[in-house]
Amino acid sequence: MFVVLVPIGAQATVVSGGKLSSGKPVKVSISTPRKQIKYTFSGVAHKHVTFQVTHFTFSDGTNPGSLYLKFRKPGSTSVFKSCYFSDNDHCDFNTPVTGTW
């Protein structure tokens, strides 16, 4: 499973951001329009996970300050959970399966 930061309305190329670790913040800079960054994290079945997004600024001329986090189960290409951010916010859910999300 991976996490992808997607500016609203964008069709994007995807680059790897690496593996996320619990409690360790990452700083992401997207300077190219329509670029997505993919992260992975290790998930354990039936455990609660929370992702917090803070201090972000996106602008496409019509929709400033918004993005999606999209989560896919290990081995799946379908979106399991999608979270929309338009201000400092968080996204949480319980992982149904163990693996690399």
Protein backbone atom coordinates (compact mmCIF):
# COMPACT_ATOMS: atom_id res chain seq x y z
CA MET A 1 0.00 0.00 0.00
CA PHE A 2 1.21 3.48 -0.62
CA VAL A 3 0.29 7.04 0.20
CA VAL A 4 0.09 9.53 -2.63
CA LEU A 5 -0.16 13.30 -2.20
CA VAL A 6 -2.32 14.57 -5.06
CA PRO A 7 -3.12 18.24 -5.69
CA ILE A 8 -6.83 18.52 -6.51
CA GLY A 9 -7.60 18.23 -10.23
CA ALA A 10 -4.14 17.03 -11.16
CA GLN A 11 -3.08 14.25 -13.51
CA ALA A 12 0.38 13.50 -12.32
CA THR A 13 3.63 11.65 -12.59
CA VAL A 14 4.53 9.65 -9.47
CA VAL A 15 7.90 9.73 -7.69
CA SER A 16 8.92 7.72 -4.64
CA GLY A 17 9.16 9.57 -1.35
CA GLY A 18 10.32 6.49 0.57
CA LYS A 19 9.07 4.70 3.66
CA LEU A 20 7.24 6.48 6.48
CA SER A 21 8.09 5.76 10.13
CA SER A 22 5.69 6.30 13.02
CA GLY A 23 6.16 9.65 14.72
CA LYS A 24 8.77 10.89 12.26
CA PRO A 25 7.57 13.83 10.16
CA VAL A 26 8.51 14.22 6.52
CA LYS A 27 8.82 17.42 4.56
CA VAL A 28 7.59 17.32 0.98
CA SER A 29 8.09 19.93 -1.69
CA ILE A 30 6.24 19.61 -4.98
CA SER A 31 7.46 22.28 -7.37
CA THR A 32 6.31 20.71 -10.64
CA PRO A 33 2.62 20.86 -11.57
CA ARG A 34 0.82 17.50 -11.56
CA LYS A 35 3.54 15.64 -9.64
CA GLN A 36 2.56 13.03 -7.03
CA ILE A 37 4.77 11.65 -4.28
CA LYS A 38 4.34 8.03 -3.15
CA TYR A 39 5.19 6.87 0.38
CA THR A 40 4.89 3.44 1.94
CA PHE A 41 4.37 2.39 5.54
CA SER A 42 4.18 -0.91 7.42
CA GLY A 43 0.70 -1.67 8.68
CA VAL A 44 -0.54 -4.35 11.07
CA ALA A 45 -4.07 -5.75 10.66
CA HIS A 46 -6.74 -4.13 12.83
CA LYS A 47 -4.49 -1.33 14.09
CA HIS A 48 -5.44 2.34 14.08
CA VAL A 49 -3.29 4.68 11.99
CA THR A 50 -3.42 8.47 11.78
CA PHE A 51 -1.82 10.76 9.21
CA GLN A 52 -1.54 14.46 9.92
CA VAL A 53 -0.85 17.01 7.21
CA THR A 54 0.24 20.47 8.32
CA HIS A 55 1.78 23.59 6.85
CA PHE A 56 0.90 23.05 3.22
CA THR A 57 0.17 25.46 0.41
CA PHE A 58 -1.11 24.40 -3.00
CA SER A 59 -2.52 26.67 -5.64
CA ASP A 60 -3.60 25.87 -9.19
CA GLY A 61 -5.18 29.27 -9.75
CA THR A 62 -8.69 28.08 -8.88
CA ASN A 63 -8.45 25.88 -5.80
CA PRO A 64 -5.78 26.99 -3.30
CA GLY A 65 -4.67 24.85 -0.41
CA SER A 66 -6.11 21.40 -1.08
CA LEU A 67 -4.82 17.85 -1.60
CA TYR A 68 -5.78 14.18 -1.25
CA LEU A 69 -4.05 11.37 0.57
CA LYS A 70 -4.94 8.06 -1.08
CA PHE A 71 -4.33 4.72 0.66
CA ARG A 72 -4.23 1.32 -1.02
CA LYS A 73 -4.22 -2.08 0.69
CA PRO A 74 -1.08 -4.16 0.21
CA GLY A 75 -1.19 -5.78 -3.25
CA SER A 76 -4.16 -3.70 -4.44
CA THR A 77 -4.44 -0.96 -7.04
CA SER A 78 -7.86 0.22 -5.80
CA VAL A 79 -8.12 3.09 -3.33
CA PHE A 80 -9.10 1.78 0.13
CA LYS A 81 -9.30 5.20 1.82
CA SER A 82 -9.07 8.72 0.42
CA CYS A 83 -8.76 11.81 2.60
CA TYR A 84 -9.27 15.38 1.39
CA PHE A 85 -7.31 18.19 3.02
CA SER A 86 -8.13 21.85 2.62
CA ASP A 87 -6.62 23.07 5.88
CA ASN A 88 -4.33 21.59 8.56
CA ASP A 89 -6.02 18.27 9.19
CA HIS A 90 -5.65 14.55 9.84
CA CYS A 91 -6.82 11.26 8.37
CA ASP A 92 -7.30 8.07 10.32
CA PHE A 93 -8.54 4.53 9.80
CA ASN A 94 -8.03 0.92 10.92
CA THR A 95 -5.85 -1.25 8.70
CA PRO A 96 -7.79 -4.40 7.69
CA VAL A 97 -4.65 -6.32 6.66
CA THR A 98 -0.96 -6.55 7.53
CA GLY A 99 1.60 -5.51 4.95
CA THR A 100 3.30 -2.63 3.21
CA TRP A 101 0.70 -0.01 2.48
